Amino acid sequence: MYILGINAYHGGASACLIKDGELIAAVEEERFERIKYWAGFPVHAIKYCLSEAGISVYDVEHIGISRDPNANIVRKAQYAIRSGPSPQLLLDRLRNRRVVGNISTVLCESLKINRRDLKASFHNVEHHRAHMASTFFVSPFENAAVLSVDGMGDFTSTMWGTGSGNRFDVSGSIHFPHSIGILYTAVSQWLGFNNYGDEGKVMGLAPFGEPHYVDKLRRILRVQSDKTFEVDQSYLRYKAEGGTMSWAGGKPKIGRLYSDRFLKLFGEARLPNQTLTSYHMDIASSLQAITEEAEFALLEKLYKETGCGNLCMSGGVALNSVFNGKVLPNTDFNEIYIQPAASDAGTALGVCYYIYHQILGFPRTYNMSHAYTGPQFSNGDVESALNRHSLEYSTLDLPVLVKDTAKLIEKGNVIGWFQGRMEWGPRALGNRSIIADPRHSSTQDLLNSRIKNRESFRPFAPAVLEEHVGDYFDQSYPDPFMLKVYGVLPDKRDIIPAVTHVDGSGRLQTVKRDVSLPYYELINAFYERTGVPVVLNTSFNENEPIVCTPEEAIACFMRTKMDVLVIGNYMVKK
């Protein structure tokens, strides 16, 4: 049985395909469209998933989308009456509702097929239930507390409950307009980071400041006696769910979210080209602190309600790796699982497993232990692409390839590393990565200015052999998806300064031999040469989605100042 899951008309459009409960493929549309967070209908992602399985859409028995226009419909109506939105806004929302509620028509038009020829049943899965399904049903846990914290979807920002076996039950939720995610975006905008998805930049900026303004932010985000939260709407300016977002051309754009009252409290907003001051850094630090305060309250509530030591998290806020790294040391939870595409892209995965388990009742058999679910290319494909660009290359077997590459990294070369299937989610995890030596503090500035062309304060990730995590970090709990920040041990900070952030932390990836053999062997070869089982890992891109194809990898390599491209079994040097 094939099930196709879709996230469409929302940030991070994506598709996922499973067969009898096993994941076949999952990919974001942005990797094909080459527009970050592309938010239209993911026709290329759907076509890829079907081709990976070797089937057509006529073979699919169930198709679902992670939106349900009928969810919370009474609340939506009541809010619309109270807020009095403009006629244009009402028209836009009605159009969106028609499209989302009639996904079969959109699918057939996009694939140029006749609806009568399909055997698939169509499903609308509520947004946060898709989030919850995306993490619990692919986790290693038989039982778990489940929390989804997002910006907004289907008029809900936060949902929690308990998973057991092949079902989960929702025990509570927080509805529009109260949202941690929207507040984080609003403050990010005020700080001059206006693009969709820029919240991660603010998280990286926060350690440069001090949380001096938490009390001011508590006027906006207030934790309640029952450990839920409310947001004072007078500091924000939006009229209805999604009312400030547009998807023109598939690229999400968000209008200004902070209000004039917010400006009276914090002062004029920073323009994107203005210098970042200590005040801006302190606001970023305070925002991170108040976010963690509200999330810890939710986790305290969830643990008391469930008594379960296993935690599954999802939603865009679950990409806040700084908070994620603090969960186990600071709560009663003993185990934690977050799937690699925790944000809205991951709801396509959740749709598949919600249908398979929650609706159809099949038992669980799959655990997502790696994120390599996207397109892959043969050595023939790679060689043809290299020849088209008239590049000189060496052809090497894997043992020689990793040893030669490790030697080049040791000598200070920056490597474009392209292997196997592309990663699922926003992190490059060793198949579409740029690799460098973490032992030199100058490496960070070199990469930010010479290759990534991004803000100088943004850190790079340490990828560490899993068996050595405790030798370099203050926690040893594995994190193969680069979704947690741990403290770098004080005696190791001078050893790996390029991946140690200003506060002594690092957003790490743990690497296992049986999950990612070429990547593991590369790090291990570097370890054998240097005694350091860590490399610097960042995404293979330059202000664009992570590269997908050999052509895109070659183009990025050629226009930046990377030194070496290792792609399949081929090595290209400049």
Protein backbone atom coordinates (compact mmCIF):
# COMPACT_ATOMS: atom_id res chain seq x y z
CA MET A 1 0.00 0.00 0.00
CA TYR A 2 1.35 3.37 -1.06
CA ILE A 3 0.48 6.59 0.82
CA LEU A 4 1.46 10.04 -0.43
CA GLY A 5 1.71 12.94 2.02
CA ILE A 6 1.78 16.58 0.93
CA ASN A 7 2.51 19.93 2.55
CA ALA A 8 1.28 22.66 0.21
CA TYR A 9 0.37 26.36 0.30
CA HIS A 10 2.42 26.75 3.46
CA GLY A 11 6.11 27.38 4.07
CA GLY A 12 8.34 24.45 3.15
CA ALA A 13 6.12 22.71 0.59
CA SER A 14 7.09 19.04 0.46
CA ALA A 15 6.07 15.50 -0.38
CA CYS A 16 6.59 12.09 1.21
CA LEU A 17 5.79 8.55 0.09
CA ILE A 18 5.57 5.40 2.19
CA LYS A 19 4.95 1.77 1.22
CA ASP A 20 3.43 -0.56 3.82
CA GLY A 21 4.68 1.73 6.56
CA GLU A 22 8.27 2.02 5.25
CA LEU A 23 9.54 5.39 4.10
CA ILE A 24 10.43 5.44 0.40
CA ALA A 25 11.18 9.13 -0.18
CA ALA A 26 10.74 12.57 1.39
CA VAL A 27 11.87 15.88 -0.09
CA GLU A 28 11.17 19.61 0.00
CA GLU A 29 10.03 21.39 -3.15
CA GLU A 30 12.59 24.16 -2.61
CA ARG A 31 15.37 21.79 -3.70
CA PHE A 32 13.83 21.64 -7.19
CA GLU A 33 12.45 25.18 -7.47
CA ARG A 34 15.69 26.65 -6.01
CA ILE A 35 13.68 29.12 -3.91
CA LYS A 36 14.06 28.83 -0.13
CA TYR A 37 10.97 27.64 1.76
CA TRP A 38 8.97 27.46 -1.48
CA ALA A 39 5.32 27.43 -0.51
CA GLY A 40 3.19 26.51 -3.52
CA PHE A 41 2.11 23.05 -4.65
CA PRO A 42 5.05 20.56 -4.56
CA VAL A 43 4.63 18.98 -7.96
CA HIS A 44 8.35 18.26 -8.47
CA ALA A 45 8.65 16.70 -5.02
CA ILE A 46 5.63 14.50 -5.73
CA LYS A 47 7.05 13.40 -9.08
CA TYR A 48 10.38 12.57 -7.44
CA CYS A 49 8.74 10.45 -4.72
CA LEU A 50 6.77 8.49 -7.29
CA SER A 51 9.84 7.94 -9.48
CA GLU A 52 11.91 6.79 -6.52
CA ALA A 53 9.29 4.12 -5.85
CA GLY A 54 9.03 3.25 -9.55
CA ILE A 55 5.27 3.82 -9.60
CA SER A 56 2.72 6.25 -10.96
CA VAL A 57 0.14 8.20 -9.01
CA TYR A 58 -2.43 5.60 -10.13
CA ASP A 59 -0.74 3.10 -7.79
CA VAL A 60 -1.24 5.28 -4.70
CA GLU A 61 -4.14 4.27 -2.44
CA HIS A 62 -4.21 7.24 -0.05
CA ILE A 63 -3.21 10.88 -0.54
CA GLY A 64 -3.31 13.49 2.19
CA ILE A 65 -2.44 17.12 2.86
CA SER A 66 -1.47 18.66 6.21
CA ARG A 67 -4.29 21.19 6.27
CA ASP A 68 -7.93 20.80 7.28
CA PRO A 69 -10.17 23.76 6.40
CA ASN A 70 -12.84 22.45 8.77
CA ALA A 71 -10.58 22.33 11.82
CA ASN A 72 -11.56 24.90 14.47
CA ILE A 73 -14.10 26.35 12.06
CA VAL A 74 -16.29 27.81 14.84
CA ARG A 75 -13.30 29.58 16.39
CA LYS A 76 -12.34 30.93 12.98
CA ALA A 77 -15.83 32.28 12.38
CA GLN A 78 -16.03 33.89 15.81
CA TYR A 79 -12.64 35.53 15.39
CA ALA A 80 -13.54 36.79 11.92
CA ILE A 81 -16.70 38.41 13.27
CA ARG A 82 -14.83 40.07 16.16
CA SER A 83 -11.83 41.29 14.16
CA GLY A 84 -13.70 42.54 11.11
CA PRO A 85 -11.09 41.70 8.47
CA SER A 86 -11.06 43.49 5.13
CA PRO A 87 -13.11 42.09 2.22
CA GLN A 88 -9.86 41.37 0.35
CA LEU A 89 -8.50 39.34 3.28
CA LEU A 90 -11.73 37.35 3.52
CA LEU A 91 -11.57 36.67 -0.21
CA ASP A 92 -7.93 35.50 0.04
CA ARG A 93 -8.78 33.15 2.92
CA LEU A 94 -11.78 31.73 1.07
CA ARG A 95 -9.63 31.04 -1.98
CA ASN A 96 -7.03 29.32 0.17
CA ARG A 97 -9.72 27.27 1.88
CA ARG A 98 -11.11 26.10 -1.48
CA VAL A 99 -7.67 25.07 -2.75
CA VAL A 100 -6.67 23.24 0.43
CA GLY A 101 -10.03 21.54 0.72
CA ASN A 102 -9.99 20.37 -2.88
CA ILE A 103 -6.47 19.00 -3.15
CA SER A 104 -7.48 16.23 -5.54
CA THR A 105 -8.30 18.79 -8.23
CA VAL A 106 -5.00 20.62 -7.74
CA LEU A 107 -3.07 17.34 -7.87
CA CYS A 108 -4.75 16.19 -11.06
CA GLU A 109 -4.25 19.55 -12.75
CA SER A 110 -0.57 19.61 -11.73
CA LEU A 111 0.08 16.08 -12.95
CA LYS A 112 -2.21 16.50 -15.99
CA ILE A 113 -4.31 13.45 -15.18
CA ASN A 114 -8.01 12.66 -14.95
CA ARG A 115 -9.48 12.46 -11.44
CA ARG A 116 -11.72 9.55 -12.46
CA ASP A 117 -8.63 7.43 -13.15
CA LEU A 118 -7.31 7.68 -9.58
CA LYS A 119 -8.11 5.01 -7.02
CA ALA A 120 -6.71 7.03 -4.11
CA SER A 121 -8.78 8.22 -1.17
CA PHE A 122 -8.05 11.84 -0.20
CA HIS A 123 -7.54 13.08 3.35
CA ASN A 124 -7.23 16.46 5.05
CA VAL A 125 -5.13 16.06 8.21
CA GLU A 126 -5.18 18.88 10.74
CA HIS A 127 -1.84 20.73 10.70
CA HIS A 128 -0.66 20.03 14.25
CA ARG A 129 -1.87 16.44 14.21
CA ALA A 130 0.34 15.99 11.18
CA HIS A 131 3.22 17.55 13.14
CA MET A 132 2.61 15.19 16.08
CA ALA A 133 2.36 12.16 13.80
CA SER A 134 5.58 13.18 12.04
CA THR A 135 7.61 12.77 15.21
CA PHE A 136 5.91 10.11 17.36
CA PHE A 137 5.12 7.53 14.68
CA VAL A 138 8.72 7.48 13.38
CA SER A 139 10.34 7.67 16.83
CA PRO A 140 11.90 4.69 18.61
CA PHE A 141 9.41 5.00 21.48
CA GLU A 142 6.41 2.78 22.17
CA ASN A 143 5.02 5.47 24.48
CA ALA A 144 5.81 9.18 24.58
CA ALA A 145 4.61 12.64 25.49
CA VAL A 146 4.18 14.58 22.24
CA LEU A 147 4.44 18.36 21.83
CA SER A 148 4.03 20.47 18.68
CA VAL A 149 4.93 24.17 18.85
CA ASP A 150 4.66 26.18 15.66
CA GLY A 151 3.84 29.58 14.25
CA MET A 152 0.29 28.79 13.23
CA GLY A 153 -1.60 26.14 11.30
CA ASP A 154 -5.33 25.44 11.10
CA PHE A 155 -5.91 28.17 13.71
CA THR A 156 -3.68 26.44 16.29
CA SER A 157 -0.14 27.27 17.40
CA THR A 158 0.53 24.55 19.97
CA MET A 159 -0.79 21.05 20.59
CA TRP A 160 0.18 18.29 22.98
CA GLY A 161 -0.85 14.79 23.96
CA THR A 162 0.29 11.22 24.49
CA GLY A 163 1.38 8.61 21.98
CA SER A 164 1.02 4.90 22.60
CA GLY A 165 1.63 2.18 20.04
CA ASN A 166 -0.01 3.11 16.77
CA ARG A 167 -2.13 5.98 18.10
CA PHE A 168 -1.79 9.31 19.85
CA ASP A 169 -4.39 11.30 21.75
CA VAL A 170 -4.53 15.09 21.91
CA SER A 171 -5.01 16.42 25.42
CA GLY A 172 -4.65 20.16 24.87
CA SER A 173 -3.92 22.99 22.47
CA ILE A 174 -3.40 26.74 22.23
CA HIS A 175 -5.23 28.56 19.46
CA PHE A 176 -4.80 31.63 17.30
CA PRO A 177 -3.76 34.35 17.94
CA HIS A 178 -1.48 33.15 20.77
CA SER A 179 1.79 31.87 19.33
CA ILE A 180 5.40 31.61 20.48
CA GLY A 181 6.48 31.15 16.88
CA ILE A 182 4.75 34.30 15.63
CA LEU A 183 6.22 36.36 18.47
CA TYR A 184 9.69 35.03 17.66
CA THR A 185 9.18 36.03 14.03
CA ALA A 186 7.90 39.48 15.00
CA VAL A 187 10.96 40.23 17.12
CA SER A 188 13.20 38.81 14.39
CA GLN A 189 11.64 41.31 11.99
CA TRP A 190 12.21 44.15 14.44
CA LEU A 191 15.87 43.08 14.58
CA GLY A 192 16.09 43.50 10.81
CA PHE A 193 15.79 39.83 9.80
CA ASN A 194 12.74 40.03 7.57
CA ASN A 195 12.91 36.94 5.37
CA TYR A 196 10.84 33.86 5.99
CA GLY A 197 13.02 31.46 8.01
CA ASP A 198 15.36 34.10 9.47
CA GLU A 199 14.52 33.14 13.04
CA GLY A 200 17.54 30.83 13.12
CA LYS A 201 19.80 33.85 12.62
CA VAL A 202 18.37 35.44 15.76
CA MET A 203 19.02 32.24 17.71
CA GLY A 204 22.66 32.46 16.56
CA LEU A 205 22.85 36.13 17.54
CA ALA A 206 21.42 35.61 21.04
CA PRO A 207 24.65 34.33 22.71
CA PHE A 208 26.36 37.66 21.90
CA GLY A 209 23.97 39.49 24.22
CA GLU A 210 22.55 39.32 27.74
CA PRO A 211 18.86 38.74 28.59
CA HIS A 212 18.35 42.19 30.11
CA TYR A 213 14.88 42.69 28.61
CA VAL A 214 13.07 39.53 29.64
CA ASP A 215 10.76 41.50 31.92
CA LYS A 216 9.69 43.70 29.01
CA LEU A 217 9.00 40.65 26.85
CA ARG A 218 6.96 39.12 29.70
CA ARG A 219 4.48 41.92 29.11
CA ILE A 220 3.87 40.32 25.71
CA LEU A 221 4.36 36.58 26.33
CA ARG A 222 2.83 35.54 29.62
CA VAL A 223 3.02 32.08 31.15
CA GLN A 224 -0.29 31.22 32.83
CA SER A 225 -0.90 29.39 36.10
CA ASP A 226 -1.75 26.22 34.16
CA LYS A 227 1.67 26.44 32.38
CA THR A 228 0.16 27.44 29.04
CA PHE A 229 0.84 30.91 27.61
CA GLU A 230 -0.92 33.96 26.22
CA VAL A 231 0.37 36.67 23.89
CA ASP A 232 -0.76 40.28 24.32
CA GLN A 233 -2.03 41.09 20.84
CA SER A 234 -1.67 44.83 21.26
CA TYR A 235 2.05 44.40 20.57
CA LEU A 236 1.40 42.60 17.27
CA ARG A 237 -0.42 43.63 14.11
CA TYR A 238 -2.19 40.96 12.13
CA LYS A 239 -5.88 40.44 11.67
CA ALA A 240 -6.40 36.78 10.83
CA GLU A 241 -4.45 33.57 10.48
CA GLY A 242 -2.10 33.88 7.54
CA GLY A 243 -3.39 37.37 6.85
CA THR A 244 0.11 38.81 6.60
CA MET A 245 1.58 36.00 4.49
CA SER A 246 1.65 35.73 0.73
CA TRP A 247 2.98 33.02 -1.55
CA ALA A 248 3.46 34.98 -4.77
CA GLY A 249 5.62 32.89 -7.03
CA GLY A 250 5.83 30.24 -4.34
CA LYS A 251 8.16 32.29 -2.12
CA PRO A 252 6.65 33.00 1.31
CA LYS A 253 6.58 36.62 2.37
CA ILE A 254 5.39 37.90 5.72
CA GLY A 255 4.18 41.42 6.38
CA ARG A 256 5.21 43.37 9.45
CA LEU A 257 4.07 41.60 12.59
CA TYR A 258 5.09 44.02 15.37
CA SER A 259 2.80 46.94 16.20
CA ASP A 260 3.40 50.59 16.97
CA ARG A 261 2.99 49.74 20.65
CA PHE A 262 5.90 47.31 20.29
CA LEU A 263 7.96 50.19 18.88
CA LYS A 264 7.07 52.37 21.87
CA LEU A 265 8.34 49.62 24.18
CA PHE A 266 11.56 48.74 22.35
CA GLY A 267 12.32 51.67 20.04
CA GLU A 268 12.67 51.93 16.29
CA ALA A 269 13.27 48.74 14.34
CA ARG A 270 16.72 47.99 12.94
CA LEU A 271 17.01 48.18 9.16
CA PRO A 272 18.62 45.12 7.52
CA ASN A 273 21.75 47.04 6.52
CA GLN A 274 22.26 48.78 9.87
CA THR A 275 24.97 47.79 12.33
CA LEU A 276 24.00 45.31 15.02
CA THR A 277 24.48 46.95 18.43
CA SER A 278 24.73 45.45 21.91
CA TYR A 279 21.09 46.48 22.39
CA HIS A 280 20.00 44.34 19.46
CA MET A 281 22.04 41.45 20.79
CA ASP A 282 20.46 41.82 24.23
CA ILE A 283 16.97 41.78 22.69
CA ALA A 284 17.87 38.58 20.80
CA SER A 285 19.14 37.03 24.04
CA SER A 286 16.00 38.09 25.89
CA LEU A 287 13.78 36.65 23.15
CA GLN A 288 15.55 33.30 23.39
CA ALA A 289 15.22 33.36 27.19
CA ILE A 290 11.48 34.12 27.19
CA THR A 291 10.90 31.45 24.54
CA GLU A 292 12.66 28.88 26.68
CA GLU A 293 10.70 30.02 29.74
CA ALA A 294 7.39 29.36 27.99
CA GLU A 295 8.54 26.05 26.51
CA PHE A 296 9.87 24.73 29.82
CA ALA A 297 6.50 25.52 31.38
CA LEU A 298 4.77 23.48 28.66
CA LEU A 299 7.15 20.57 29.21
CA GLU A 300 6.55 20.70 32.96
CA LYS A 301 2.81 20.54 32.30
CA LEU A 302 3.22 17.72 29.78
CA TYR A 303 5.33 15.58 32.09
CA LYS A 304 2.90 16.00 34.98
CA GLU A 305 -0.02 15.06 32.73
CA THR A 306 1.62 12.03 31.12
CA GLY A 307 4.25 10.80 33.60
CA CYS A 308 6.13 9.53 30.56
CA GLY A 309 9.91 9.90 30.36
CA ASN A 310 10.00 9.90 26.55
CA LEU A 311 9.41 13.14 24.68
CA CYS A 312 8.69 13.73 20.99
CA MET A 313 8.74 17.32 19.69
CA SER A 314 7.76 18.88 16.38
CA GLY A 315 6.78 22.17 14.77
CA GLY A 316 8.91 25.07 13.63
CA VAL A 317 9.84 26.01 17.19
CA ALA A 318 11.28 22.49 17.60
CA LEU A 319 14.11 23.67 15.33
CA ASN A 320 15.27 25.88 18.20
CA SER A 321 18.33 23.75 18.86
CA VAL A 322 19.49 25.88 21.80
CA PHE A 323 16.34 25.00 23.74
CA ASN A 324 16.38 21.38 22.57
CA GLY A 325 19.83 20.88 24.02
CA LYS A 326 18.60 22.01 27.44
CA VAL A 327 15.61 19.66 27.65
CA LEU A 328 17.21 16.54 29.12
CA PRO A 329 19.42 18.30 31.70
CA ASN A 330 16.61 20.58 32.89
CA THR A 331 13.41 18.48 32.83
CA ASP A 332 12.24 15.09 34.06
CA PHE A 333 12.33 13.61 30.55
CA ASN A 334 14.93 10.92 29.95
CA GLU A 335 14.73 10.49 26.16
CA ILE A 336 13.93 12.89 23.34
CA TYR A 337 13.20 12.50 19.63
CA ILE A 338 12.76 15.19 16.96
CA GLN A 339 12.62 14.17 13.31
CA PRO A 340 14.99 16.12 11.02
CA ALA A 341 12.33 18.17 9.17
CA ALA A 342 10.52 19.29 12.32
CA SER A 343 9.04 22.41 10.70
CA ASP A 344 6.16 22.55 8.24
CA ALA A 345 7.98 20.51 5.59
CA GLY A 346 7.81 17.57 7.97
CA THR A 347 4.03 17.56 8.03
CA ALA A 348 4.09 15.67 4.70
CA LEU A 349 5.78 12.83 6.59
CA GLY A 350 3.22 13.17 9.37
CA VAL A 351 0.33 12.93 6.92
CA CYS A 352 1.59 9.58 5.64
CA TYR A 353 1.93 8.05 9.06
CA TYR A 354 -1.24 9.63 10.43
CA ILE A 355 -3.19 7.92 7.67
CA TYR A 356 -1.33 4.63 8.03
CA HIS A 357 -1.55 4.35 11.82
CA GLN A 358 -4.19 6.71 13.21
CA ILE A 359 -6.78 6.24 10.45
CA LEU A 360 -6.07 2.78 9.02
CA GLY A 361 -4.83 1.23 12.27
CA PHE A 362 -1.70 -0.55 10.99
CA PRO A 363 1.04 -1.36 13.52
CA ARG A 364 4.29 0.60 13.62
CA THR A 365 7.41 -0.86 12.01
CA TYR A 366 9.53 2.13 10.95
CA ASN A 367 11.97 4.31 12.91
CA MET A 368 13.55 7.29 11.16
CA SER A 369 17.19 6.92 12.19
CA HIS A 370 18.66 8.88 9.28
CA ALA A 371 17.63 11.76 7.03
CA TYR A 372 18.88 10.52 3.65
CA THR A 373 15.56 10.35 1.79
CA GLY A 374 16.09 12.57 -1.26
CA PRO A 375 17.49 12.21 -4.78
CA GLN A 376 20.77 10.42 -5.45
CA PHE A 377 22.93 10.25 -8.57
CA SER A 378 25.15 7.58 -10.07
CA ASN A 379 28.84 7.99 -10.79
CA GLY A 380 27.81 8.07 -14.45
CA ASP A 381 25.57 11.07 -13.79
CA VAL A 382 28.40 12.79 -11.93
CA GLU A 383 31.02 12.06 -14.58
CA SER A 384 28.76 13.39 -17.32
CA ALA A 385 28.20 16.62 -15.38
CA LEU A 386 31.95 17.06 -14.78
CA ASN A 387 32.68 16.48 -18.45
CA ARG A 388 30.06 19.02 -19.52
CA HIS A 389 31.98 21.62 -17.52
CA SER A 390 35.35 20.42 -18.86
CA LEU A 391 36.64 19.84 -15.33
CA GLU A 392 39.71 17.75 -14.60
CA TYR A 393 39.09 15.12 -11.96
CA SER A 394 40.56 12.07 -10.25
CA THR A 395 38.60 8.85 -9.81
CA LEU A 396 39.17 7.20 -6.42
CA ASP A 397 37.81 4.23 -4.49
CA LEU A 398 36.20 5.09 -1.14
CA PRO A 399 39.14 4.14 1.15
CA VAL A 400 41.55 6.31 -0.87
CA LEU A 401 38.93 9.05 -1.34
CA VAL A 402 38.34 9.59 2.37
CA LYS A 403 42.03 9.45 3.27
CA ASP A 404 43.01 11.92 0.56
CA THR A 405 40.14 14.23 1.51
CA ALA A 406 41.06 14.10 5.20
CA LYS A 407 44.62 15.06 4.29
CA LEU A 408 43.35 18.04 2.29
CA ILE A 409 41.13 19.16 5.20
CA GLU A 410 44.11 18.93 7.56
CA LYS A 411 46.05 21.21 5.23
CA GLY A 412 43.34 23.87 5.40
CA ASN A 413 41.34 23.15 2.27
CA VAL A 414 37.58 23.73 2.19
CA ILE A 415 35.78 20.74 0.71
CA GLY A 416 32.47 20.49 -1.11
CA TRP A 417 31.25 17.00 -0.16
CA PHE A 418 28.43 15.47 -2.27
CA GLN A 419 27.47 11.83 -1.64
CA GLY A 420 24.43 9.51 -1.76
CA ARG A 421 20.86 10.63 -1.15
CA MET A 422 20.09 14.23 -0.28
CA GLU A 423 19.07 15.04 3.28
CA TRP A 424 15.50 15.63 4.49
CA GLY A 425 15.11 18.83 6.49
CA PRO A 426 17.05 22.09 6.78
CA ARG A 427 20.37 20.63 7.94
CA ALA A 428 23.15 19.28 5.75
CA LEU A 429 24.10 16.02 7.45
CA GLY A 430 27.08 14.83 5.47
CA ASN A 431 25.69 14.13 2.01
CA ARG A 432 25.37 17.73 0.78
CA SER A 433 27.92 19.42 3.04
CA ILE A 434 30.86 21.79 3.03
CA ILE A 435 33.60 20.35 5.25
CA ALA A 436 36.56 22.14 6.84
CA ASP A 437 39.08 21.87 9.68
CA PRO A 438 37.54 22.93 13.03
CA ARG A 439 40.92 23.52 14.70
CA HIS A 440 41.54 27.05 13.43
CA SER A 441 39.49 30.02 14.58
CA SER A 442 40.04 31.76 11.23
CA THR A 443 38.04 29.04 9.46
CA GLN A 444 34.70 30.51 10.58
CA ASP A 445 35.42 33.98 9.18
CA LEU A 446 36.85 32.46 6.01
CA LEU A 447 33.71 30.43 5.35
CA ASN A 448 31.25 33.21 6.18
CA SER A 449 32.98 35.78 3.98
CA ARG A 450 34.54 33.68 1.22
CA ILE A 451 31.99 30.95 0.56
CA LYS A 452 28.69 31.33 2.42
CA ASN A 453 28.44 35.13 2.06
CA ARG A 454 26.44 35.48 5.26
CA GLU A 455 26.52 37.28 8.61
CA SER A 456 29.79 36.94 10.52
CA PHE A 457 28.11 36.05 13.82
CA ARG A 458 26.55 32.83 12.52
CA PRO A 459 28.27 29.69 13.82
CA PHE A 460 29.17 26.44 12.09
CA ALA A 461 28.39 22.93 13.25
CA PRO A 462 30.72 20.31 14.68
CA ALA A 463 30.17 16.82 13.25
CA VAL A 464 31.58 14.31 15.73
CA LEU A 465 31.99 10.54 15.73
CA GLU A 466 29.22 9.30 18.02
CA GLU A 467 31.57 7.29 20.24
CA HIS A 468 33.51 10.49 21.06
CA VAL A 469 30.63 12.85 21.88
CA GLY A 470 31.29 12.78 25.62
CA ASP A 471 34.97 13.53 25.05
CA TYR A 472 34.16 16.95 23.57
CA PHE A 473 30.70 17.95 24.81
CA ASP A 474 28.90 18.23 28.14
CA GLN A 475 26.25 15.73 27.03
CA SER A 476 26.68 12.40 25.30
CA TYR A 477 23.08 11.88 24.12
CA PRO A 478 23.25 11.26 20.34
CA ASP A 479 21.88 13.81 17.89
CA PRO A 480 22.20 12.58 14.29
CA PHE A 481 19.97 15.41 12.96
CA MET A 482 21.91 18.46 14.27
CA LEU A 483 18.95 19.68 16.33
CA LYS A 484 20.59 20.27 19.72
CA VAL A 485 23.19 22.64 21.07
CA TYR A 486 25.53 21.26 23.73
CA GLY A 487 28.31 22.91 25.65
CA VAL A 488 31.80 22.28 24.34
CA LEU A 489 33.96 21.08 27.24
CA PRO A 490 36.25 23.91 28.43
CA ASP A 491 39.43 21.99 27.71
CA LYS A 492 38.31 21.31 24.13
CA ARG A 493 37.26 24.82 23.10
CA ASP A 494 40.76 25.80 22.02
CA ILE A 495 41.04 22.55 20.08
CA ILE A 496 37.92 23.12 17.94
CA PRO A 497 37.46 26.93 18.00
CA ALA A 498 35.88 27.15 14.51
CA VAL A 499 32.82 25.22 15.71
CA THR A 500 32.66 26.65 19.23
CA HIS A 501 30.21 29.52 19.51
CA VAL A 502 30.87 32.67 21.52
CA ASP A 503 29.14 31.17 24.59
CA GLY A 504 31.18 27.95 24.44
CA SER A 505 28.47 25.89 22.74
CA GLY A 506 28.13 23.96 19.50
CA ARG A 507 25.15 22.71 17.46
CA LEU A 508 26.50 19.24 16.89
CA GLN A 509 25.77 16.28 14.66
CA THR A 510 26.68 12.81 15.89
CA VAL A 511 27.78 10.41 13.15
CA LYS A 512 27.49 6.59 13.20
CA ARG A 513 29.32 4.21 10.93
CA ASP A 514 26.24 2.13 10.02
CA VAL A 515 24.13 5.20 9.16
CA SER A 516 26.48 7.23 6.96
CA LEU A 517 29.53 5.18 6.00
CA PRO A 518 31.40 7.58 3.66
CA TYR A 519 30.88 10.52 6.03
CA TYR A 520 31.89 8.49 9.06
CA GLU A 521 35.00 7.21 7.33
CA LEU A 522 35.96 10.76 6.33
CA ILE A 523 35.74 12.02 9.91
CA ASN A 524 37.52 8.93 11.16
CA ALA A 525 40.34 9.45 8.65
CA PHE A 526 40.67 13.06 9.87
CA TYR A 527 40.74 11.73 13.45
CA GLU A 528 43.53 9.29 12.59
CA ARG A 529 45.59 12.13 11.14
CA THR A 530 44.95 14.80 13.78
CA GLY A 531 43.64 13.10 16.93
CA VAL A 532 40.45 15.21 16.62
CA PRO A 533 37.24 13.21 15.85
CA VAL A 534 35.40 16.36 14.73
CA VAL A 535 35.05 18.23 11.45
CA LEU A 536 33.31 21.49 10.63
CA ASN A 537 30.11 20.84 8.68
CA THR A 538 27.90 23.41 6.98
CA SER A 539 25.36 23.16 4.20
CA PHE A 540 26.50 22.93 0.59
CA ASN A 541 24.96 26.17 -0.71
CA GLU A 542 25.44 29.90 -1.02
CA ASN A 543 22.31 31.84 0.00
CA GLU A 544 20.13 29.30 -1.79
CA PRO A 545 18.53 25.95 -0.95
CA ILE A 546 21.01 23.14 -0.33
CA VAL A 547 22.29 21.75 -3.63
CA CYS A 548 20.41 18.75 -4.96
CA THR A 549 22.03 17.75 -8.25
CA PRO A 550 25.64 17.37 -9.45
CA GLU A 551 25.11 20.38 -11.72
CA GLU A 552 24.12 22.55 -8.76
CA ALA A 553 27.07 21.30 -6.71
CA ILE A 554 29.49 22.09 -9.53
CA ALA A 555 27.99 25.55 -10.04
CA CYS A 556 28.26 26.39 -6.33
CA PHE A 557 31.84 25.05 -6.24
CA MET A 558 32.85 27.13 -9.25
CA ARG A 559 31.35 30.45 -8.16
CA THR A 560 32.65 30.30 -4.57
CA LYS A 561 36.15 29.91 -3.19
CA MET A 562 35.90 26.26 -2.17
CA ASP A 563 39.19 24.49 -2.80
CA VAL A 564 38.09 20.95 -3.61
CA LEU A 565 34.92 19.22 -4.77
CA VAL A 566 34.46 15.58 -3.77
CA ILE A 567 31.40 14.28 -5.61
CA GLY A 568 30.68 10.57 -5.71
CA ASN A 569 34.01 8.85 -6.40
CA TYR A 570 35.46 11.92 -8.10
CA MET A 571 37.73 14.67 -6.79
CA VAL A 572 38.10 18.07 -8.46
CA LYS A 573 40.74 20.57 -7.32
CA LYS A 574 40.95 24.23 -8.24
